[in-house]
Amino acid sequence: MPLIEIRNLTKIYSQGKNEVRAVDGVSLDIFPGETLGLVGESGSGKSTLGRLILRLVEPTSGTIRFEDCDLLAAGSREMRRLRRDMQIIFQDPFASLDPRFRVEDIISEPLIIHGRGSATETGSSRRRRVIELLRAVGLDESILRRFPHEFSGGQRQRIGIARALALHPKFIVADEPVSALDVSVGAQIVNLLAQLQRDFGLTYLFISHSMPVVRYLSTRIAVMYRGKIVEIGSTEQITEDPQHPYTKSLLAATPQLAV
């Protein structure tokens, strides 16, 4: 049974007298424990689709179901509860972190918002959870009182990943999480995501413009072009026997990445 079911999802933006179909009638399923790679060029609608699934952007039409819940029918209280199970890792690891917050504040904020843990003493359960999350992403508690500007891009992305894991989510949208990083650092983050999936039983929608990265991490691949899914299948099927001309052009144009 799918964790997420999307049917005929559409997002239309108006630009004067013109309409732009950023997402145009997309239907797909995402199954528990898998990584669905969503690949396509910039402007194809990938990030918009990811945000629609999380209701960070409201769709024009269509349906989204998470487990047995109709997300578009859920009220604010129900969505607040559901957001514990659905998180996002953003593309820019600097812009996604509040520069005024220390690391401990950044990672503990979801716990505070959702009333998880206590902070009445130095050894609070909330702080212990933050330290556990830092260790899970390859960092340690010595950075708790530091600010985002004190870290490299890769370290900042690890902090963002730790924040996304804070509430024990089932599903994570990883929105081009390595595109702003150096190749070697990006490879480390991709390997970290794979390890975290094994450790925590996560389900990913992994968004990228890089076919080699998507091929390495994904169980299945969906190819997006001009707001539509033009091809979807297993990783082996898409990379070894692509059917759509756009998929073939992506495979031909993207350099190999060693991870």
Protein backbone atom coordinates (compact mmCIF):
# COMPACT_ATOMS: atom_id res chain seq x y z
CA MET A 1 0.00 0.00 0.00
CA PRO A 2 1.47 3.42 -0.91
CA LEU A 3 2.52 5.80 1.83
CA ILE A 4 1.60 8.69 -0.48
CA GLU A 5 -0.90 8.67 -3.35
CA ILE A 6 -1.05 11.63 -5.74
CA ARG A 7 -3.72 11.90 -8.41
CA ASN A 8 -4.03 14.54 -11.13
CA LEU A 9 -2.13 17.10 -9.05
CA THR A 10 -1.99 20.51 -10.72
CA LYS A 11 -0.59 23.89 -9.79
CA ILE A 12 -1.31 26.87 -12.03
CA TYR A 13 0.29 30.29 -11.53
CA SER A 14 -1.19 33.35 -13.18
CA GLN A 15 1.17 35.85 -14.82
CA GLY A 16 -0.99 38.68 -16.08
CA LYS A 17 -3.22 37.20 -18.74
CA ASN A 18 -1.08 34.09 -19.01
CA GLU A 19 -1.15 30.90 -16.99
CA VAL A 20 1.87 28.77 -16.11
CA ARG A 21 1.23 25.11 -15.30
CA ALA A 22 4.11 24.47 -12.91
CA VAL A 23 2.70 21.01 -12.15
CA ASP A 24 0.32 19.60 -14.74
CA GLY A 25 -1.84 16.60 -13.83
CA VAL A 26 0.79 14.55 -11.99
CA SER A 27 -0.19 11.12 -10.63
CA LEU A 28 2.23 8.87 -8.75
CA ASP A 29 2.62 6.66 -5.67
CA ILE A 30 5.44 6.63 -3.13
CA PHE A 31 5.82 3.39 -1.18
CA PRO A 32 7.06 2.94 2.41
CA GLY A 33 10.84 2.61 2.71
CA GLU A 34 11.65 3.51 -0.88
CA THR A 35 13.45 6.44 -2.43
CA LEU A 36 11.59 7.86 -5.38
CA GLY A 37 14.04 9.98 -7.35
CA LEU A 38 12.47 12.94 -9.13
CA VAL A 39 14.75 14.21 -11.87
CA GLY A 40 14.48 16.95 -14.45
CA GLU A 41 16.00 20.24 -15.54
CA SER A 42 15.56 23.51 -13.65
CA GLY A 43 12.03 24.86 -14.10
CA SER A 44 10.47 21.46 -14.76
CA GLY A 45 8.29 21.68 -11.62
CA LYS A 46 10.20 19.28 -9.34
CA SER A 47 10.47 21.53 -6.29
CA THR A 48 6.91 22.75 -6.70
CA LEU A 49 5.70 19.14 -6.68
CA GLY A 50 7.63 18.42 -3.49
CA ARG A 51 6.12 21.45 -1.78
CA LEU A 52 2.63 20.57 -2.98
CA ILE A 53 2.91 17.14 -1.39
CA LEU A 54 3.75 18.76 1.95
CA ARG A 55 1.13 21.51 1.45
CA LEU A 56 3.78 24.18 1.70
CA VAL A 57 2.17 25.28 -1.58
CA GLU A 58 -1.57 24.82 -2.10
CA PRO A 59 -2.52 22.95 -5.29
CA THR A 60 -4.96 24.23 -7.86
CA SER A 61 -6.58 20.81 -8.19
CA GLY A 62 -5.98 17.11 -7.60
CA THR A 63 -5.72 14.85 -4.55
CA ILE A 64 -2.94 13.93 -2.11
CA ARG A 65 -3.31 11.09 0.37
CA PHE A 66 -0.83 10.35 3.14
CA GLU A 67 -1.53 6.90 4.56
CA ASP A 68 -5.32 7.05 5.06
CA CYS A 69 -5.61 10.83 5.26
CA ASP A 70 -6.76 13.20 2.53
CA LEU A 71 -4.24 16.02 2.99
CA LEU A 72 -6.26 18.57 1.05
CA ALA A 73 -9.28 18.00 3.30
CA ALA A 74 -7.25 18.22 6.51
CA GLY A 75 -7.76 21.27 8.71
CA SER A 76 -4.98 23.20 10.38
CA ARG A 77 -5.01 21.06 13.54
CA GLU A 78 -4.86 17.83 11.55
CA MET A 79 -2.09 19.19 9.31
CA ARG A 80 -0.08 20.18 12.38
CA ARG A 81 -0.24 16.57 13.55
CA LEU A 82 0.61 15.21 10.11
CA ARG A 83 3.63 17.47 9.73
CA ARG A 84 5.39 15.43 12.37
CA ASP A 85 5.49 12.61 9.83
CA MET A 86 6.42 14.74 6.79
CA GLN A 87 9.55 16.89 6.66
CA ILE A 88 11.78 18.62 4.10
CA ILE A 89 15.50 19.12 3.53
CA PHE A 90 16.02 22.33 1.59
CA GLN A 91 18.39 23.02 -1.28
CA ASP A 92 20.32 25.94 0.24
CA PRO A 93 21.76 24.88 3.62
CA PHE A 94 22.52 28.49 4.60
CA ALA A 95 19.22 30.13 3.67
CA SER A 96 17.24 27.38 5.38
CA LEU A 97 18.83 28.01 8.81
CA ASP A 98 17.95 31.06 10.91
CA PRO A 99 21.25 32.99 11.28
CA ARG A 100 20.14 34.28 14.71
CA PHE A 101 19.65 30.79 16.14
CA ARG A 102 22.33 28.60 17.61
CA VAL A 103 22.51 24.95 16.52
CA GLU A 104 20.71 23.74 19.62
CA ASP A 105 17.86 26.19 19.00
CA ILE A 106 17.59 25.23 15.31
CA ILE A 107 17.27 21.50 15.96
CA SER A 108 15.12 21.79 19.08
CA GLU A 109 12.60 24.20 17.48
CA PRO A 110 10.43 21.39 16.00
CA LEU A 111 10.45 19.67 19.40
CA ILE A 112 9.27 22.86 21.09
CA ILE A 113 6.55 23.56 18.50
CA HIS A 114 5.15 20.06 18.84
CA GLY A 115 5.60 19.82 22.61
CA ARG A 116 8.17 17.05 22.57
CA GLY A 117 10.60 16.65 25.48
CA SER A 118 11.41 18.92 28.41
CA ALA A 119 13.88 21.73 28.96
CA THR A 120 13.72 22.33 32.70
CA GLU A 121 17.30 21.35 33.42
CA THR A 122 20.70 21.03 31.77
CA GLY A 123 20.21 17.32 31.20
CA SER A 124 16.79 17.78 29.60
CA SER A 125 15.30 15.14 27.31
CA ARG A 126 15.11 17.77 24.58
CA ARG A 127 18.83 18.47 24.70
CA ARG A 128 19.59 14.76 24.76
CA ARG A 129 17.49 14.34 21.63
CA VAL A 130 19.37 17.16 19.90
CA ILE A 131 22.71 15.55 20.76
CA GLU A 132 21.48 12.18 19.44
CA LEU A 133 20.47 13.83 16.17
CA LEU A 134 23.81 15.58 15.80
CA ARG A 135 25.64 12.30 16.26
CA ALA A 136 23.35 10.60 13.74
CA VAL A 137 24.42 13.10 11.06
CA GLY A 138 28.13 12.96 11.92
CA LEU A 139 28.43 16.00 14.21
CA ASP A 140 28.95 16.28 17.97
CA GLU A 141 27.64 18.26 20.91
CA SER A 142 30.58 20.70 20.91
CA ILE A 143 28.75 22.72 18.23
CA LEU A 144 25.51 23.21 20.17
CA ARG A 145 26.12 26.91 20.95
CA ARG A 146 27.53 27.91 17.56
CA PHE A 147 25.76 29.82 14.77
CA PRO A 148 25.17 28.70 11.13
CA HIS A 149 27.74 31.12 9.67
CA GLU A 150 30.49 29.28 11.56
CA PHE A 151 30.10 26.13 9.48
CA SER A 152 30.87 24.90 5.99
CA GLY A 153 28.07 24.20 3.52
CA GLY A 154 28.24 20.46 4.15
CA GLN A 155 28.07 20.93 7.92
CA ARG A 156 25.11 23.27 7.58
CA GLN A 157 23.30 20.70 5.45
CA ARG A 158 23.92 18.09 8.15
CA ILE A 159 22.34 20.44 10.68
CA GLY A 160 19.34 20.85 8.37
CA ILE A 161 19.05 17.07 8.07
CA ALA A 162 19.19 16.71 11.86
CA ARG A 163 16.35 19.23 12.17
CA ALA A 164 14.28 17.27 9.61
CA LEU A 165 14.75 14.09 11.67
CA ALA A 166 13.81 15.68 15.01
CA LEU A 167 10.19 14.46 15.10
CA HIS A 168 10.85 10.92 13.82
CA PRO A 169 9.22 11.52 10.41
CA LYS A 170 8.14 8.76 8.06
CA PHE A 171 8.57 10.77 4.87
CA ILE A 172 11.15 13.36 3.81
CA VAL A 173 11.27 15.52 0.71
CA ALA A 174 14.95 16.08 -0.08
CA ASP A 175 14.84 19.09 -2.42
CA GLU A 176 18.15 19.11 -4.32
CA PRO A 177 20.06 18.73 -1.03
CA VAL A 178 23.50 18.46 -2.67
CA SER A 179 23.24 20.88 -5.61
CA ALA A 180 24.74 23.79 -3.62
CA LEU A 181 27.68 21.69 -2.37
CA ASP A 182 31.04 20.66 -3.77
CA VAL A 183 30.98 17.27 -5.48
CA SER A 184 32.95 15.47 -2.75
CA VAL A 185 30.87 17.00 0.05
CA GLY A 186 27.69 16.25 -1.87
CA ALA A 187 28.73 12.61 -2.16
CA GLN A 188 29.16 12.47 1.62
CA ILE A 189 25.66 13.88 2.13
CA VAL A 190 24.16 11.37 -0.32
CA ASN A 191 25.83 8.52 1.55
CA LEU A 192 24.59 9.97 4.84
CA LEU A 193 21.01 10.05 3.52
CA ALA A 194 21.30 6.42 2.46
CA GLN A 195 22.59 5.45 5.92
CA LEU A 196 19.84 7.38 7.70
CA GLN A 197 17.22 5.67 5.56
CA ARG A 198 18.52 2.28 6.68
CA ASP A 199 18.77 3.36 10.34
CA PHE A 200 15.37 5.06 10.63
CA GLY A 201 13.24 3.36 7.97
CA LEU A 202 12.68 6.60 6.07
CA THR A 203 10.84 7.14 2.81
CA TYR A 204 12.32 9.79 0.50
CA LEU A 205 11.24 11.88 -2.42
CA PHE A 206 14.71 12.81 -3.64
CA ILE A 207 14.65 15.75 -6.04
CA SER A 208 17.64 16.44 -8.27
CA HIS A 209 18.70 17.53 -11.75
CA SER A 210 21.58 15.01 -11.66
CA MET A 211 20.76 11.58 -13.02
CA PRO A 212 23.89 9.89 -11.56
CA VAL A 213 23.03 11.03 -8.02
CA VAL A 214 19.40 9.95 -8.43
CA ARG A 215 20.51 6.62 -9.88
CA TYR A 216 22.79 5.94 -6.90
CA LEU A 217 20.21 6.65 -4.20
CA SER A 218 16.83 5.80 -5.70
CA THR A 219 14.68 2.70 -5.77
CA ARG A 220 12.56 4.14 -8.59
CA ILE A 221 12.95 7.22 -10.79
CA ALA A 222 10.32 9.62 -12.11
CA VAL A 223 11.37 11.97 -14.91
CA MET A 224 9.68 15.38 -14.97
CA TYR A 225 9.48 17.70 -17.94
CA ARG A 226 7.44 20.91 -18.21
CA GLY A 227 5.27 20.04 -15.22
CA LYS A 228 4.50 16.47 -16.27
CA ILE A 229 5.88 13.06 -15.35
CA VAL A 230 7.00 11.76 -18.73
CA GLU A 231 8.49 8.47 -17.55
CA ILE A 232 8.58 6.45 -14.31
CA GLY A 233 10.04 3.08 -13.47
CA SER A 234 12.67 1.18 -11.54
CA THR A 235 16.13 2.69 -11.41
CA GLU A 236 17.48 -0.07 -13.63
CA GLN A 237 14.69 0.34 -16.16
CA ILE A 238 15.04 4.13 -16.45
CA THR A 239 18.83 4.17 -16.63
CA GLU A 240 19.36 1.08 -18.79
CA ASP A 241 16.36 1.21 -21.10
CA PRO A 242 14.88 4.75 -21.17
CA GLN A 243 11.86 5.19 -23.42
CA HIS A 244 11.23 8.92 -23.50
CA PRO A 245 13.52 11.18 -25.58
CA TYR A 246 13.89 13.60 -22.67
CA THR A 247 15.08 10.82 -20.35
CA LYS A 248 17.61 9.78 -22.98
CA SER A 249 18.89 13.35 -23.25
CA LEU A 250 19.31 13.60 -19.46
CA LEU A 251 21.32 10.40 -19.38
CA ALA A 252 23.48 11.56 -22.27
CA ALA A 253 24.11 15.06 -20.93
CA THR A 254 24.87 14.43 -17.24
CA PRO A 255 28.47 13.58 -16.26
CA GLN A 256 29.18 10.59 -14.08
CA LEU A 257 29.62 11.11 -10.33
CA ALA A 258 31.63 8.76 -8.16
CA VAL A 259 29.99 8.25 -4.78
